[in-house]
C-alpha atoms as a PDB file:
ATOM      1  CA  UNK A   1     -14.026 -28.541  46.799  1.00  0.00           C
ATOM      2  CA  UNK A   2     -16.156 -26.787  44.355  1.00  0.00           C
ATOM      3  CA  UNK A   3     -14.474 -25.607  40.972  1.00  0.00           C
ATOM      4  CA  UNK A   4     -15.960 -22.758  39.003  1.00  0.00           C
ATOM      5  CA  UNK A   5     -14.386 -22.024  35.414  1.00  0.00           C
ATOM      6  CA  UNK A   6     -15.612 -18.654  34.075  1.00  0.00           C
ATOM      7  CA  UNK A   7     -15.658 -17.724  30.310  1.00  0.00           C
ATOM      8  CA  UNK A   8     -15.330 -14.568  29.255  1.00  0.00           C
ATOM      9  CA  UNK A   9     -16.306 -13.429  25.719  1.00  0.00           C
ATOM     10  CA  UNK A  10     -15.292 -10.653  24.390  1.00  0.00           C
ATOM     11  CA  UNK A  11     -17.492  -9.210  21.642  1.00  0.00           C
ATOM     12  CA  UNK A  12     -16.285  -6.901  19.500  1.00  0.00           C
ATOM     13  CA  UNK A  13     -17.503  -4.509  17.278  1.00  0.00           C
ATOM     14  CA  UNK A  14     -17.173  -4.837  13.723  1.00  0.00           C
ATOM     15  CA  UNK A  15     -14.790  -1.193  12.554  1.00  0.00           C
ATOM     16  CA  UNK A  16     -16.743   1.083  10.552  1.00  0.00           C
ATOM     17  CA  UNK A  17     -15.129   2.990   7.597  1.00  0.00           C
ATOM     18  CA  UNK A  18     -16.004   6.358   6.835  1.00  0.00           C
ATOM     19  CA  UNK A  19     -18.373   6.645   3.499  1.00  0.00           C
ATOM     20  CA  UNK A  20     -16.613   6.071  -0.027  1.00  0.00           C
ATOM     21  CA  UNK A  21     -16.577   9.665  -1.005  1.00  0.00           C
ATOM     22  CA  UNK A  22     -14.918  10.702   2.316  1.00  0.00           C
ATOM     23  CA  UNK A  23     -12.262   8.014   1.669  1.00  0.00           C
ATOM     24  CA  UNK A  24     -11.700   9.408  -1.755  1.00  0.00           C
ATOM     25  CA  UNK A  25     -11.922  13.334  -0.453  1.00  0.00           C
ATOM     26  CA  UNK A  26      -9.052  12.460   1.536  1.00  0.00           C
ATOM     27  CA  UNK A  27      -6.816  10.892  -0.391  1.00  0.00           C
ATOM     28  CA  UNK A  28      -7.148  13.685  -2.921  1.00  0.00           C
ATOM     29  CA  UNK A  29      -6.210  16.377  -0.137  1.00  0.00           C
ATOM     30  CA  UNK A  30      -3.200  14.320   0.661  1.00  0.00           C
ATOM     31  CA  UNK A  31      -2.109  14.270  -3.168  1.00  0.00           C
ATOM     32  CA  UNK A  32      -3.228  18.171  -3.330  1.00  0.00           C
ATOM     33  CA  UNK A  33      -1.265  18.653  -0.033  1.00  0.00           C
ATOM     34  CA  UNK A  34       2.054  16.892  -1.892  1.00  0.00           C
ATOM     35  CA  UNK A  35       1.533  18.409  -4.886  1.00  0.00           C
ATOM     36  CA  UNK A  36       1.319  22.196  -3.798  1.00  0.00           C
ATOM     37  CA  UNK A  37       4.016  21.529  -1.224  1.00  0.00           C
ATOM     38  CA  UNK A  38       6.330  20.143  -4.134  1.00  0.00           C
ATOM     39  CA  UNK A  39       6.414  16.955  -2.805  1.00  0.00           C
ATOM     40  CA  UNK A  40       8.235  18.549   1.011  1.00  0.00           C
ATOM     41  CA  UNK A  41       4.973  17.062   2.447  1.00  0.00           C
ATOM     42  CA  UNK A  42       2.961  13.842   2.120  1.00  0.00           C
ATOM     43  CA  UNK A  43       5.696  11.398   2.377  1.00  0.00           C
ATOM     44  CA  UNK A  44       6.982  10.219   6.120  1.00  0.00           C
ATOM     45  CA  UNK A  45       9.164   7.767   7.266  1.00  0.00           C
ATOM     46  CA  UNK A  46       7.389   4.599   9.545  1.00  0.00           C
ATOM     47  CA  UNK A  47       7.545   5.252  12.979  1.00  0.00           C
ATOM     48  CA  UNK A  48       8.591   2.684  15.465  1.00  0.00           C
ATOM     49  CA  UNK A  49       5.177   0.003  15.574  1.00  0.00           C
ATOM     50  CA  UNK A  50       3.918   2.692  12.850  1.00  0.00           C
ATOM     51  CA  UNK A  51       3.889   3.122   9.353  1.00  0.00           C
ATOM     52  CA  UNK A  52       5.194   5.203   6.749  1.00  0.00           C
ATOM     53  CA  UNK A  53       3.473   6.732   3.452  1.00  0.00           C
ATOM     54  CA  UNK A  54       5.546   6.903   0.047  1.00  0.00           C
ATOM     55  CA  UNK A  55       4.635   7.624  -3.473  1.00  0.00           C
ATOM     56  CA  UNK A  56       4.907   4.550  -5.984  1.00  0.00           C
ATOM     57  CA  UNK A  57       5.009   5.356  -9.794  1.00  0.00           C
ATOM     58  CA  UNK A  58       3.788   2.459 -11.925  1.00  0.00           C
ATOM     59  CA  UNK A  59       3.266   1.842 -15.487  1.00  0.00           C
ATOM     60  CA  UNK A  60      -0.396   1.773 -16.148  1.00  0.00           C
ATOM     61  CA  UNK A  61      -1.170  -1.575 -17.577  1.00  0.00           C
ATOM     62  CA  UNK A  62      -3.128  -0.175 -20.475  1.00  0.00           C
ATOM     63  CA  UNK A  63      -1.708   3.477 -21.305  1.00  0.00           C
ATOM     64  CA  UNK A  64       2.000   2.620 -20.821  1.00  0.00           C
ATOM     65  CA  UNK A  65       1.436   5.850 -18.901  1.00  0.00           C
ATOM     66  CA  UNK A  66       3.283   6.965 -15.698  1.00  0.00           C
ATOM     67  CA  UNK A  67       0.893   6.603 -12.896  1.00  0.00           C
ATOM     68  CA  UNK A  68       2.069   7.277  -9.115  1.00  0.00           C
ATOM     69  CA  UNK A  69      -0.146   7.172  -5.669  1.00  0.00           C
ATOM     70  CA  UNK A  70       0.979   7.467  -2.637  1.00  0.00           C
ATOM     71  CA  UNK A  71       0.393   4.409   0.016  1.00  0.00           C
ATOM     72  CA  UNK A  72       1.287   3.257   3.084  1.00  0.00           C
ATOM     73  CA  UNK A  73       4.267   0.962   4.154  1.00  0.00           C
ATOM     74  CA  UNK A  74       6.586  -0.588   6.544  1.00  0.00           C
ATOM     75  CA  UNK A  75       9.912  -1.578   5.680  1.00  0.00           C
ATOM     76  CA  UNK A  76      11.144  -5.126   6.074  1.00  0.00           C
ATOM     77  CA  UNK A  77      14.542  -5.118   5.843  1.00  0.00           C
ATOM     78  CA  UNK A  78      15.522  -3.994   2.396  1.00  0.00           C
ATOM     79  CA  UNK A  79      11.994  -4.465   1.231  1.00  0.00           C
ATOM     80  CA  UNK A  80       9.361  -1.957   1.332  1.00  0.00           C
ATOM     81  CA  UNK A  81       5.843  -3.316   2.232  1.00  0.00           C
ATOM     82  CA  UNK A  82       2.510  -2.613   1.225  1.00  0.00           C
ATOM     83  CA  UNK A  83      -1.098  -3.623   1.348  1.00  0.00           C
ATOM     84  CA  UNK A  84      -3.278  -3.604  -1.969  1.00  0.00           C
ATOM     85  CA  UNK A  85      -6.857  -2.687  -0.237  1.00  0.00           C
ATOM     86  CA  UNK A  86      -7.886  -0.091  -2.069  1.00  0.00           C
ATOM     87  CA  UNK A  87      -9.663   1.698   0.756  1.00  0.00           C
ATOM     88  CA  UNK A  88     -11.176  -1.885   2.389  1.00  0.00           C
ATOM     89  CA  UNK A  89     -13.062  -1.191  -0.902  1.00  0.00           C
ATOM     90  CA  UNK A  90     -14.271  -3.521  -3.179  1.00  0.00           C
ATOM     91  CA  UNK A  91     -11.746  -4.740  -6.062  1.00  0.00           C
ATOM     92  CA  UNK A  92      -7.756  -4.321  -6.489  1.00  0.00           C
ATOM     93  CA  UNK A  93      -6.309  -0.891  -6.443  1.00  0.00           C
ATOM     94  CA  UNK A  94      -5.448   0.378  -9.572  1.00  0.00           C
ATOM     95  CA  UNK A  95      -1.325   0.587  -8.736  1.00  0.00           C
ATOM     96  CA  UNK A  96      -1.476  -3.027  -7.739  1.00  0.00           C
ATOM     97  CA  UNK A  97      -3.022  -4.211 -11.032  1.00  0.00           C
ATOM     98  CA  UNK A  98      -0.681  -2.094 -12.920  1.00  0.00           C
ATOM     99  CA  UNK A  99       2.220  -3.723 -10.580  1.00  0.00           C
ATOM    100  CA  UNK A 100       0.772  -7.285 -11.535  1.00  0.00           C
ATOM    101  CA  UNK A 101       1.183  -6.458 -15.133  1.00  0.00           C
ATOM    102  CA  UNK A 102       4.994  -4.017 -14.798  1.00  0.00           C
ATOM    103  CA  UNK A 103       6.315  -5.059 -11.355  1.00  0.00           C
ATOM    104  CA  UNK A 104       9.008  -2.652 -11.713  1.00  0.00           C
ATOM    105  CA  UNK A 105       8.008   0.662 -10.716  1.00  0.00           C
ATOM    106  CA  UNK A 106       9.695   3.900  -8.896  1.00  0.00           C
ATOM    107  CA  UNK A 107       9.208   4.809  -5.063  1.00  0.00           C
ATOM    108  CA  UNK A 108       9.909   8.035  -3.613  1.00  0.00           C
ATOM    109  CA  UNK A 109      10.512   7.974   0.319  1.00  0.00           C
ATOM    110  CA  UNK A 110      10.922  11.078   2.297  1.00  0.00           C
ATOM    111  CA  UNK A 111      14.730  10.491   2.056  1.00  0.00           C
ATOM    112  CA  UNK A 112      14.856   9.693  -1.923  1.00  0.00           C
ATOM    113  CA  UNK A 113      13.954   7.461  -4.921  1.00  0.00           C
ATOM    114  CA  UNK A 114      14.527   4.613  -5.755  1.00  0.00           C
ATOM    115  CA  UNK A 115      13.688   1.370  -7.781  1.00  0.00           C
ATOM    116  CA  UNK A 116      11.621  -1.776  -6.708  1.00  0.00           C
ATOM    117  CA  UNK A 117      10.511  -4.550  -8.505  1.00  0.00           C
ATOM    118  CA  UNK A 118       7.002  -5.664  -6.775  1.00  0.00           C
ATOM    119  CA  UNK A 119       5.472  -9.023  -6.064  1.00  0.00           C
ATOM    120  CA  UNK A 120       2.609 -10.806  -3.759  1.00  0.00           C
ATOM    121  CA  UNK A 121       4.281 -11.958  -0.373  1.00  0.00           C
ATOM    122  CA  UNK A 122       2.970 -16.100  -0.283  1.00  0.00           C
ATOM    123  CA  UNK A 123       3.103 -18.609   2.636  1.00  0.00           C
ATOM    124  CA  UNK A 124       4.676 -18.237   5.619  1.00  0.00           C
ATOM    125  CA  UNK A 125       6.242 -14.633   4.520  1.00  0.00           C
ATOM    126  CA  UNK A 126       2.713 -13.115   3.813  1.00  0.00           C
ATOM    127  CA  UNK A 127       1.462 -15.051   7.318  1.00  0.00           C
ATOM    128  CA  UNK A 128       4.411 -12.799   9.228  1.00  0.00           C
ATOM    129  CA  UNK A 129       4.262  -9.413   6.989  1.00  0.00           C
ATOM    130  CA  UNK A 130       0.553  -9.644   8.130  1.00  0.00           C
ATOM    131  CA  UNK A 131       1.224 -10.663  11.351  1.00  0.00           C
ATOM    132  CA  UNK A 132       3.467  -7.188  11.501  1.00  0.00           C
ATOM    133  CA  UNK A 133       0.636  -4.775   9.925  1.00  0.00           C
ATOM    134  CA  UNK A 134      -1.701  -6.407  12.737  1.00  0.00           C
ATOM    135  CA  UNK A 135       1.227  -4.813  15.431  1.00  0.00           C
ATOM    136  CA  UNK A 136       0.455  -1.544  13.595  1.00  0.00           C
ATOM    137  CA  UNK A 137      -3.365  -1.635  13.571  1.00  0.00           C
ATOM    138  CA  UNK A 138      -5.180  -3.937  15.824  1.00  0.00           C
ATOM    139  CA  UNK A 139      -8.302  -3.942  12.986  1.00  0.00           C
ATOM    140  CA  UNK A 140      -6.651  -5.603  10.197  1.00  0.00           C
ATOM    141  CA  UNK A 141      -8.508  -8.662  10.595  1.00  0.00           C
ATOM    142  CA  UNK A 142     -11.501  -7.100  11.006  1.00  0.00           C
ATOM    143  CA  UNK A 143     -11.065  -4.410   7.999  1.00  0.00           C
ATOM    144  CA  UNK A 144      -9.824  -7.003   5.894  1.00  0.00           C
ATOM    145  CA  UNK A 145     -13.148  -9.325   6.597  1.00  0.00           C
ATOM    146  CA  UNK A 146     -14.826  -6.238   4.965  1.00  0.00           C
ATOM    147  CA  UNK A 147     -13.399  -7.203   1.234  1.00  0.00           C
ATOM    148  CA  UNK A 148     -14.722  -9.594  -0.760  1.00  0.00           C
ATOM    149  CA  UNK A 149     -11.013 -11.642  -1.419  1.00  0.00           C
ATOM    150  CA  UNK A 150      -7.912 -11.913   0.331  1.00  0.00           C
ATOM    151  CA  UNK A 151      -6.046  -8.914   0.533  1.00  0.00           C
ATOM    152  CA  UNK A 152      -2.690  -8.731  -0.962  1.00  0.00           C
ATOM    153  CA  UNK A 153       0.500  -8.093   0.868  1.00  0.00           C
ATOM    154  CA  UNK A 154       2.806  -6.474  -1.924  1.00  0.00           C
ATOM    155  CA  UNK A 155       6.546  -6.363  -1.482  1.00  0.00           C
ATOM    156  CA  UNK A 156       8.486  -3.597  -3.004  1.00  0.00           C
ATOM    157  CA  UNK A 157      12.119  -5.378  -3.300  1.00  0.00           C
ATOM    158  CA  UNK A 158      15.104  -3.188  -4.727  1.00  0.00           C
ATOM    159  CA  UNK A 159      14.508  -3.332  -7.968  1.00  0.00           C
ATOM    160  CA  UNK A 160      16.934  -3.132 -11.138  1.00  0.00           C
ATOM    161  CA  UNK A 161      19.681  -0.168 -10.754  1.00  0.00           C
ATOM    162  CA  UNK A 162      19.915  -0.346  -6.923  1.00  0.00           C
ATOM    163  CA  UNK A 163      22.857  -2.165  -4.850  1.00  0.00           C
ATOM    164  CA  UNK A 164      20.189  -5.230  -3.808  1.00  0.00           C
ATOM    165  CA  UNK A 165      18.913  -5.358  -7.444  1.00  0.00           C
ATOM    166  CA  UNK A 166      19.346  -5.794 -10.925  1.00  0.00           C
ATOM    167  CA  UNK A 167      20.778  -3.337 -13.470  1.00  0.00           C
ATOM    168  CA  UNK A 168      18.750  -1.112 -15.866  1.00  0.00           C
ATOM    169  CA  UNK A 169      15.488   1.050 -14.617  1.00  0.00           C
ATOM    170  CA  UNK A 170      15.512   4.217 -15.906  1.00  0.00           C
ATOM    171  CA  UNK A 171      13.745   6.679 -12.553  1.00  0.00           C
ATOM    172  CA  UNK A 172      11.782   8.974 -14.912  1.00  0.00           C
ATOM    173  CA  UNK A 173       8.941   9.894 -13.451  1.00  0.00           C
ATOM    174  CA  UNK A 174       6.199  12.525 -13.684  1.00  0.00           C
ATOM    175  CA  UNK A 175       3.541  14.541 -11.482  1.00  0.00           C
ATOM    176  CA  UNK A 176       0.505  13.439 -13.884  1.00  0.00           C
ATOM    177  CA  UNK A 177      -1.318  10.370 -13.157  1.00  0.00           C
ATOM    178  CA  UNK A 178      -1.294  11.296  -9.200  1.00  0.00           C
ATOM    179  CA  UNK A 179      -4.781   8.967  -8.688  1.00  0.00           C
ATOM    180  CA  UNK A 180      -2.929   6.313  -9.524  1.00  0.00           C
ATOM    181  CA  UNK A 181      -5.543   5.248 -11.567  1.00  0.00           C
ATOM    182  CA  UNK A 182      -4.987   3.326 -15.285  1.00  0.00           C
ATOM    183  CA  UNK A 183      -8.350   3.852 -16.601  1.00  0.00           C
ATOM    184  CA  UNK A 184     -11.771   6.063 -15.626  1.00  0.00           C
ATOM    185  CA  UNK A 185     -13.021   3.732 -12.703  1.00  0.00           C
ATOM    186  CA  UNK A 186     -10.778   3.396  -9.020  1.00  0.00           C
ATOM    187  CA  UNK A 187     -10.845  -0.013  -9.245  1.00  0.00           C
ATOM    188  CA  UNK A 188      -8.811  -0.093 -12.045  1.00  0.00           C
ATOM    189  CA  UNK A 189     -10.968  -2.770 -14.035  1.00  0.00           C
END
């Protein structure tokens, strides 16, 4: 009897990103909606098998000024998890560079504000969290391949002044610096 083996190779197109100007315009519109609504619109909790939006306020690595940006996240126990993807463009996002210099920050969620301490996930934890993001976005690996280096998986753990963290962060926050940049360029260099 003859045995036939058929191999089906599935080819997928590389995902296409909109032009950089469009991505930046979408960010500006999102920030504008957030500002004009007084913070009532623009942040949301993660949906089942989805992501949410939070407002992260960091300390600028060069200026020391408070800088805020709206980013996507999901929850992993008490931690909030994001990707330092810079819209899948080159360079690290300024907010991640700021957190590397000053890991204590504040997040504003749809249901309140809290201090956090940032760190990059590594090893098995990074693999596990990346797999969770892949469950949210099936094109994650293809988008990440568009970047010249590895995309950091950022863990925002409960920070000082929270039940799971240590004491001593002031939660002050301002509306200025909403672009998340600490410097003149989008990559924050």
